Protein backbone atom coordinates (compact mmCIF):
# COMPACT_ATOMS: atom_id res chain seq x y z
CA MET A 1 -7.02 -9.76 8.35
CA TRP A 2 -6.03 -11.35 11.98
CA ASN A 3 -2.56 -12.71 10.37
CA VAL A 4 -1.95 -9.20 8.75
CA ILE A 5 -2.29 -7.23 11.69
CA ILE A 6 -0.26 -9.90 13.73
CA THR A 7 2.59 -9.85 11.26
CA GLY A 8 2.46 -6.10 11.18
CA ILE A 9 2.52 -5.51 14.87
CA ALA A 10 5.43 -8.20 15.02
CA SER A 11 7.49 -6.47 12.07
CA PHE A 12 6.57 -2.88 13.74
CA LEU A 13 8.35 -4.16 17.06
CA THR A 14 11.47 -5.55 15.14
CA ASP A 15 11.50 -2.42 12.70
CA ILE A 16 11.61 -0.13 16.00
CA SER A 17 14.69 -2.36 17.19
CA THR A 18 16.43 -2.89 13.67
CA GLU A 19 15.74 0.99 12.82
CA MET A 20 17.13 2.39 16.21
CA PHE A 21 20.88 1.75 14.91
CA TYR A 22 20.46 1.32 11.23
CA PRO A 23 20.77 4.86 10.02
CA LEU A 24 24.10 4.85 12.34
CA ILE A 25 25.89 1.54 10.94
CA SER A 26 27.85 3.72 8.46
CA PHE A 27 29.11 6.07 11.69
CA TYR A 28 29.74 2.99 13.76
CA LEU A 29 31.96 1.72 11.02
CA LEU A 30 34.09 4.74 10.72
CA ALA A 31 34.44 5.09 14.35
CA LEU A 32 35.88 1.40 14.18
CA GLY A 33 38.19 2.56 11.52
CA ALA A 34 36.24 1.21 8.55
CA GLY A 35 35.50 3.31 5.10
CA PRO A 36 33.19 3.18 2.07
CA ALA A 37 34.91 0.17 0.68
CA ILE A 38 34.62 -1.84 4.04
CA LEU A 39 30.73 -0.49 4.33
CA GLY A 40 30.13 -1.68 0.72
CA ILE A 41 31.42 -5.01 1.80
CA VAL A 42 29.26 -5.68 5.07
CA GLU A 43 25.96 -4.55 3.59
CA GLY A 44 26.55 -6.45 -0.02
CA PHE A 45 28.01 -9.43 1.47
CA ALA A 46 25.53 -9.86 4.12
CA GLU A 47 22.34 -9.06 2.46
CA SER A 48 23.18 -11.41 -0.50
CA ILE A 49 24.52 -14.46 1.23
CA ALA A 50 21.70 -13.93 3.68
CA SER A 51 19.05 -13.63 0.68
CA LEU A 52 20.01 -17.28 -0.78
CA LEU A 53 18.09 -18.44 2.19
CA LYS A 54 15.11 -16.49 0.72
CA VAL A 55 13.94 -19.01 -2.04
CA TYR A 56 14.69 -22.13 0.44
CA SER A 57 12.74 -20.92 3.53
CA GLY A 58 10.07 -20.51 0.86
CA TYR A 59 10.08 -23.74 -0.62
CA ILE A 60 10.73 -25.58 2.93
CA SER A 61 7.28 -23.71 3.72
CA ASP A 62 5.62 -24.78 0.75
CA LYS A 63 6.84 -28.14 1.09
CA ILE A 64 6.05 -28.77 4.78
CA ARG A 65 2.85 -26.92 4.42
CA LYS A 66 3.71 -24.37 7.09
CA ARG A 67 4.27 -20.44 7.18
CA LYS A 68 4.31 -19.67 10.91
CA PRO A 69 7.20 -21.81 12.79
CA ILE A 70 9.59 -20.59 9.78
CA ALA A 71 8.85 -16.88 10.15
CA ILE A 72 9.10 -17.12 13.98
CA ALA A 73 12.65 -18.53 13.38
CA GLY A 74 13.59 -15.77 11.29
CA TYR A 75 12.91 -13.06 13.58
CA ALA A 76 14.49 -14.98 16.64
CA LEU A 77 17.62 -14.90 14.29
CA SER A 78 17.39 -11.37 13.74
CA ALA A 79 17.04 -10.91 17.20
CA PHE A 80 19.82 -12.47 18.12
CA GLY A 81 22.23 -10.65 15.50
CA LYS A 82 21.38 -7.57 17.58
CA ILE A 83 23.67 -9.63 20.43
CA PHE A 84 26.66 -9.43 18.08
CA LEU A 85 26.44 -6.08 16.99
CA TYR A 86 26.66 -5.14 20.78
CA LEU A 87 29.80 -7.15 21.12
CA ALA A 88 31.30 -6.00 18.24
CA GLY A 89 34.78 -4.49 18.93
CA SER A 90 35.93 -4.20 14.78
CA TRP A 91 34.11 -3.85 11.57
CA ILE A 92 34.35 -7.95 11.44
CA GLY A 93 31.76 -8.16 14.81
CA VAL A 94 29.61 -5.27 12.56
CA PHE A 95 29.65 -7.87 9.54
CA ILE A 96 28.92 -10.89 11.89
CA GLY A 97 25.77 -8.93 13.41
CA ARG A 98 24.67 -7.72 9.76
CA LEU A 99 24.77 -11.20 8.89
CA LEU A 100 22.85 -12.86 11.51
CA ASP A 101 20.29 -10.07 11.18
CA ARG A 102 19.99 -10.44 7.53
CA PHE A 103 20.00 -14.13 7.87
CA GLY A 104 17.20 -14.00 9.87
CA LYS A 105 15.41 -11.65 7.40
CA GLY A 106 15.94 -14.25 4.51
CA ILE A 107 14.50 -16.92 6.89
CA ARG A 108 11.23 -14.96 7.50
CA THR A 109 10.20 -13.03 4.50
CA ALA A 110 8.86 -15.63 1.97
CA PRO A 111 6.98 -17.48 4.46
CA ARG A 112 5.77 -14.30 6.27
CA ASP A 113 4.39 -12.75 3.13
CA ALA A 114 2.71 -16.09 1.67
CA LEU A 115 0.71 -15.69 5.12
CA ILE A 116 -0.01 -12.34 4.47
CA ALA A 117 -1.06 -13.07 0.68
CA GLU A 118 -3.11 -16.17 1.77
CA SER A 119 -5.12 -14.32 4.58
CA SER A 120 -6.18 -11.53 2.01
CA ILE A 121 -7.15 -13.28 -1.26
CA GLU A 122 -9.20 -10.26 -2.78
CA ASN A 123 -7.23 -7.35 -1.06
CA ARG A 124 -3.76 -8.07 -1.44
CA GLY A 125 -2.39 -4.58 -2.33
CA LYS A 126 -4.25 -3.19 0.59
CA ALA A 127 -2.84 -6.09 2.83
CA PHE A 128 0.57 -5.72 1.83
CA GLY A 129 0.38 -2.00 1.76
CA LEU A 130 -1.18 -2.06 5.63
CA HIS A 131 1.85 -4.33 6.59
CA ARG A 132 4.47 -2.15 5.14
CA ALA A 133 3.17 0.68 6.84
CA MET A 134 2.76 -0.69 10.27
CA ASP A 135 6.60 -2.08 9.87
CA THR A 136 7.68 1.24 8.72
CA LEU A 137 5.84 2.81 11.48
CA GLY A 138 7.95 0.81 13.74
CA ALA A 139 10.96 2.31 11.61
CA PHE A 140 9.93 5.94 12.61
CA PHE A 141 9.61 5.29 16.31
CA GLY A 142 12.95 3.49 16.14
CA VAL A 143 14.73 6.56 14.75
CA LEU A 144 12.83 8.59 16.88
CA ILE A 145 13.76 6.63 20.33
CA SER A 146 17.46 6.87 18.90
CA ILE A 147 17.18 10.44 18.34
CA TRP A 148 16.03 11.13 21.74
CA ILE A 149 18.80 8.83 23.45
CA ILE A 150 21.56 10.91 21.55
CA SER A 151 19.93 14.21 22.20
CA SER A 152 19.40 13.53 25.89
CA LEU A 153 23.04 12.41 26.32
CA GLY A 154 23.76 16.00 24.50
CA ILE A 155 25.90 14.06 22.23
CA LYS A 156 27.37 16.98 19.37
CA GLU A 157 29.26 14.59 16.82
CA THR A 158 32.33 15.71 15.43
CA SER A 159 33.61 14.02 12.52
CA SER A 160 37.25 13.86 13.62
CA ASN A 161 36.55 11.57 16.60
CA LEU A 162 33.69 9.29 16.29
CA SER A 163 35.22 6.50 18.43
CA LEU A 164 34.13 8.47 21.14
CA TYR A 165 30.55 7.62 20.59
CA ILE A 166 31.17 3.94 20.52
CA PRO A 167 29.45 3.68 23.97
CA THR A 168 26.64 5.59 22.79
CA PHE A 169 26.01 3.52 19.59
CA LYS A 170 26.36 0.09 22.14
CA LYS A 171 23.69 1.57 24.30
CA ILE A 172 21.32 2.06 21.42
CA ILE A 173 21.99 -1.39 20.23
CA LEU A 174 21.24 -2.70 23.79
CA ILE A 175 18.33 -1.24 24.37
CA SER A 176 16.78 -2.63 20.71
CA ILE A 177 17.38 -6.03 21.87
CA ILE A 178 14.05 -5.30 23.69
CA PRO A 179 11.60 -4.98 20.84
CA ALA A 180 13.60 -7.30 18.95
CA PHE A 181 12.14 -10.11 21.36
CA LEU A 182 8.93 -8.85 21.57
CA GLY A 183 8.52 -9.14 17.84
CA VAL A 184 9.26 -12.77 18.00
CA LEU A 185 6.86 -13.38 20.98
CA ILE A 186 3.88 -11.86 19.57
CA LEU A 187 4.16 -13.71 16.02
CA PHE A 188 3.19 -17.08 18.07
CA LEU A 189 -0.38 -15.44 18.07
CA ALA A 190 -0.38 -15.76 14.18
CA LYS A 191 -3.10 -18.78 12.69
CA GLU A 192 -1.64 -21.08 10.24
CA THR A 193 -3.05 -20.88 6.96
CA MET A 194 -1.61 -23.93 4.94
CA LYS A 195 -3.12 -27.42 5.40
CA HIS A 196 -0.87 -30.12 6.24
CA ASN A 197 -0.84 -32.39 3.10
CA SER A 198 1.67 -35.26 2.93
CA THR A 199 1.70 -35.70 -0.77
CA SER A 200 2.88 -32.25 -1.27
CA LYS A 201 6.46 -33.42 0.33
CA LEU A 202 6.93 -35.70 -2.73
CA THR A 203 5.66 -33.77 -5.66
CA LEU A 204 6.79 -30.00 -5.03
CA LYS A 205 9.01 -28.78 -7.91
CA ILE A 206 9.41 -25.13 -9.41
CA LYS A 207 9.73 -25.14 -13.03
CA TRP A 208 10.98 -21.93 -14.63
CA LYS A 209 9.56 -22.84 -17.89
CA ASP A 210 6.02 -23.38 -16.33
CA LEU A 211 5.98 -19.78 -14.39
CA ASP A 212 3.84 -17.04 -15.85
CA LYS A 213 5.68 -15.16 -19.06
CA ARG A 214 5.32 -11.82 -16.91
CA LEU A 215 6.56 -13.13 -13.80
CA LYS A 216 9.65 -14.68 -15.14
CA ALA A 217 10.43 -11.03 -16.90
CA PHE A 218 9.81 -9.49 -14.00
CA LEU A 219 12.19 -11.71 -11.92
CA ILE A 220 14.55 -11.15 -14.36
CA PHE A 221 14.03 -7.23 -14.72
CA THR A 222 14.25 -6.91 -10.84
CA PHE A 223 17.88 -8.79 -10.85
CA ILE A 224 18.89 -6.32 -13.10
CA PHE A 225 17.56 -2.96 -11.65
CA THR A 226 18.98 -3.98 -8.17
CA LEU A 227 22.61 -4.18 -9.39
CA GLY A 228 22.19 -0.12 -9.62
CA ASN A 229 20.30 -0.25 -5.75
CA SER A 230 23.14 -0.29 -3.40
CA SER A 231 22.49 -0.25 0.54
CA ASN A 232 20.90 2.74 1.83
CA GLN A 233 24.08 3.14 3.90
CA PHE A 234 25.56 5.19 1.12
CA LEU A 235 22.56 7.44 1.57
CA PHE A 236 23.70 8.35 4.99
CA LEU A 237 27.31 8.46 3.91
CA ARG A 238 26.40 10.91 1.58
CA SER A 239 24.51 12.81 4.12
CA LYS A 240 27.67 12.97 6.13
CA ASN A 241 29.70 13.78 2.82
CA LEU A 242 27.49 16.99 2.93
CA GLY A 243 27.91 18.12 6.51
CA ALA A 244 25.06 16.10 8.17
CA SER A 245 25.86 15.05 11.86
CA MET A 246 24.66 11.49 13.15
CA LEU A 247 21.38 13.67 14.69
CA ASP A 248 21.06 15.16 11.07
CA ALA A 249 21.08 11.73 9.41
CA LEU A 250 18.72 10.34 12.12
CA TYR A 251 16.32 13.24 11.31
CA LEU A 252 16.66 12.83 7.23
CA TYR A 253 15.69 9.01 8.03
CA LEU A 254 12.70 9.77 10.15
CA LEU A 255 11.36 11.77 6.97
CA TYR A 256 12.06 8.83 4.82
CA ASN A 257 10.13 6.43 6.94
CA LEU A 258 7.30 8.90 8.02
CA VAL A 259 6.77 9.60 4.13
CA TYR A 260 7.02 5.61 3.72
CA THR A 261 4.57 5.00 6.32
CA LEU A 262 2.16 7.47 5.07
CA PHE A 263 2.11 6.48 1.47
CA SER A 264 2.44 2.73 1.75
CA PHE A 265 -1.32 1.72 2.61
CA PRO A 266 -2.83 3.91 -0.16
CA ALA A 267 -0.35 2.84 -2.59
CA GLY A 268 -1.22 -0.46 -1.88
CA ALA A 269 -4.94 0.04 -2.26
CA LEU A 270 -4.70 1.96 -5.24
CA SER A 271 -2.47 -0.76 -7.08
CA ASP A 272 -5.61 -2.71 -6.19
CA LYS A 273 -7.87 -0.55 -8.32
CA ILE A 274 -5.54 0.45 -11.16
CA GLY A 275 -3.21 -2.14 -11.46
CA ARG A 276 0.31 -3.03 -10.13
CA LYS A 277 1.91 -1.90 -12.97
CA LYS A 278 1.30 2.24 -13.02
CA ILE A 279 1.98 2.10 -9.49
CA LEU A 280 5.67 0.48 -10.19
CA ILE A 281 6.52 2.69 -13.08
CA ILE A 282 5.75 5.67 -10.88
CA GLY A 283 7.80 4.13 -8.23
CA TYR A 284 10.62 3.33 -10.25
CA LEU A 285 10.73 6.65 -11.87
CA PHE A 286 11.36 8.60 -8.30
CA TYR A 287 14.12 5.83 -7.73
CA GLY A 288 15.63 7.02 -10.59
CA LEU A 289 15.29 10.80 -10.08
CA VAL A 290 16.03 10.45 -6.20
CA TYR A 291 19.59 8.77 -7.14
CA LEU A 292 20.35 11.55 -9.88
CA GLY A 293 19.67 14.05 -7.36
CA PHE A 294 21.93 12.80 -4.75
CA GLY A 295 24.53 12.31 -7.42
CA PHE A 296 24.26 15.97 -8.60
CA VAL A 297 23.14 17.54 -5.15
CA SER A 298 25.98 20.22 -3.34
CA LYS A 299 23.84 21.37 -0.30
CA PHE A 300 22.91 19.74 2.66
CA SER A 301 19.34 21.39 2.46
CA TYR A 302 18.35 19.68 -0.46
CA LEU A 303 19.05 16.63 1.44
CA TRP A 304 15.48 17.26 2.81
CA LEU A 305 13.58 17.01 -0.22
CA LEU A 306 15.61 13.94 -1.76
CA PHE A 307 14.97 11.55 1.36
CA GLY A 308 11.33 12.62 1.40
CA LEU A 309 11.13 11.44 -2.42
CA TYR A 310 13.03 8.37 -1.87
CA GLY A 311 9.96 7.43 0.69
CA LEU A 312 7.65 7.81 -2.10
CA TYR A 313 9.64 5.28 -3.96
CA ILE A 314 9.98 2.59 -1.59
CA SER A 315 6.26 3.06 -0.30
CA PHE A 316 5.23 2.65 -4.06
CA THR A 317 7.21 -0.46 -4.72
CA GLU A 318 7.85 -2.68 -2.07
CA GLY A 319 4.34 -3.85 -0.97
CA VAL A 320 3.02 -3.45 -4.56
CA GLU A 321 5.73 -5.68 -5.96
CA LYS A 322 5.18 -8.39 -3.32
CA ALA A 323 1.25 -8.22 -4.39
CA LEU A 324 1.99 -8.53 -8.00
CA ILE A 325 4.29 -11.53 -7.55
CA ALA A 326 1.75 -13.21 -5.36
CA ASP A 327 -0.91 -12.53 -7.97
CA LEU A 328 1.26 -13.97 -10.72
CA ALA A 329 3.08 -17.05 -8.77
CA PRO A 330 1.23 -20.54 -8.65
CA PRO A 331 -0.36 -21.17 -5.53
CA ASP A 332 1.43 -24.11 -4.42
CA LEU A 333 4.37 -22.39 -5.06
CA ARG A 334 3.63 -18.99 -3.59
CA ALA A 335 6.15 -18.61 -0.57
CA THR A 336 8.77 -20.40 -3.20
CA VAL A 337 8.73 -17.44 -5.90
CA ILE A 338 8.11 -14.76 -3.29
CA GLY A 339 11.75 -16.23 -1.88
CA LEU A 340 12.72 -16.66 -5.51
CA HIS A 341 12.32 -12.83 -6.14
CA ALA A 342 13.74 -11.85 -2.69
CA THR A 343 16.91 -13.99 -3.14
CA LEU A 344 17.41 -12.31 -6.55
CA VAL A 345 17.26 -8.94 -4.81
CA GLY A 346 19.72 -9.86 -2.17
CA ILE A 347 22.16 -11.61 -4.54
CA GLY A 348 22.24 -8.30 -6.72
CA LEU A 349 22.87 -6.38 -3.41
CA PHE A 350 26.47 -7.53 -3.41
CA PRO A 351 27.91 -6.45 -6.47
CA ALA A 352 25.42 -3.35 -6.33
CA SER A 353 27.15 -2.32 -2.76
CA PHE A 354 30.64 -3.53 -3.69
CA LEU A 355 30.36 -1.29 -6.80
CA ALA A 356 29.25 1.71 -4.95
CA GLY A 357 31.82 1.44 -2.68
CA LEU A 358 34.29 0.97 -5.49
CA LEU A 359 32.52 4.04 -7.24
CA TRP A 360 32.90 5.90 -4.39
CA SER A 361 36.35 5.50 -3.38
CA TYR A 362 37.86 5.74 -6.83
CA PHE A 363 35.57 8.28 -9.02
CA GLY A 364 34.06 10.60 -5.77
CA PRO A 365 31.11 10.35 -3.74
CA SER A 366 28.59 11.17 -6.88
CA ALA A 367 29.67 8.47 -8.98
CA PRO A 368 27.38 5.42 -7.32
CA PHE A 369 24.34 7.94 -7.03
CA LEU A 370 24.78 8.88 -11.00
CA PHE A 371 24.77 5.27 -11.67
CA GLY A 372 21.97 3.85 -9.97
CA GLY A 373 19.63 6.95 -11.18
CA PHE A 374 20.49 5.96 -14.87
CA LEU A 375 19.27 2.45 -14.02
CA GLY A 376 16.57 3.48 -12.16
CA ILE A 377 14.97 5.68 -14.85
CA LEU A 378 16.06 2.75 -17.60
CA SER A 379 13.99 0.22 -15.48
CA ALA A 380 10.84 2.72 -15.19
CA ILE A 381 10.84 2.52 -19.27
CA GLY A 382 11.32 -1.18 -18.91
CA LEU A 383 8.36 -1.86 -16.72
CA ILE A 384 5.75 -0.76 -19.28
CA PHE A 385 7.24 -3.33 -22.04
CA ILE A 386 7.32 -6.65 -19.55
CA LEU A 387 4.38 -6.20 -17.69
């Protein structure tokens, strides 16, 4: 479990850094003069392009029989992305910062998850659940720090003049750089799980036809589901649309991360006992219902319930999905397949976020959530037949 703890601490520190500012990105873009359509382009393009690296980083990790150095490089690149966010003077600067951050995530995800999978053969659900819990605990503290900074400055945000708060945004980003680089350093303590084998460099290939039928079906299914799963930034934008201030958005996100933290480990452990399928069906059902809720909600007070339920969705799916893929993937291609899954999800995020921005702009704030909710419920039903 040493690697699970070390990667968990690295993710804990990195998520403190990332989530200190993540829920404020939509506000930052508004302050810089960008609207919902630009938000969709920034988030969707950054996620999708960066995710193309996930399958390649997994492939390279399998090929050179090393996990640790690639994971470290990914965490370091994300840390450097914060510097560009700090220097941003327009939405282009935010885009570059987000792109670097997501590139880093794209590089590190597959080798890191393979490191976790190979360090926990019999209890993968618990291992991934514990890692997600530590990761999200960092997000919880990151949001808490952001709330403290804004509160200590006595800021009372007004939607008509967000540009006044750009110095505050930059201060939060600057502070977030510290835990980002600490997360990189702690990962040097991880232990490599792969043994070098020079012959693997010549023979390693992934053949779609040779993969487990359930794995292939799940990969295709994941991509289709992702088309309705736009960036979380639209949840914050929806909150603002219903009267939420910056602090309100941060408190809502704090609740989401608290629920995510509390239920990630139990959900992963439960999947070891009753199977991944049942947990994933519940998770996708929560997603569909929550997104429909965001579409129909008309009062700010209901957002507390919706953000809490959204935390249940992610805790029941993210770690369990990774454990499922690790179970079904060929051992020599584990990082490659984990990366392929992450890449498919990332590729789907661009059209999903771009479409969400267009639906919002042309049909109103409810449209992207009704579309996503419908796909979420269909996904829950679909899982019954493909796994």
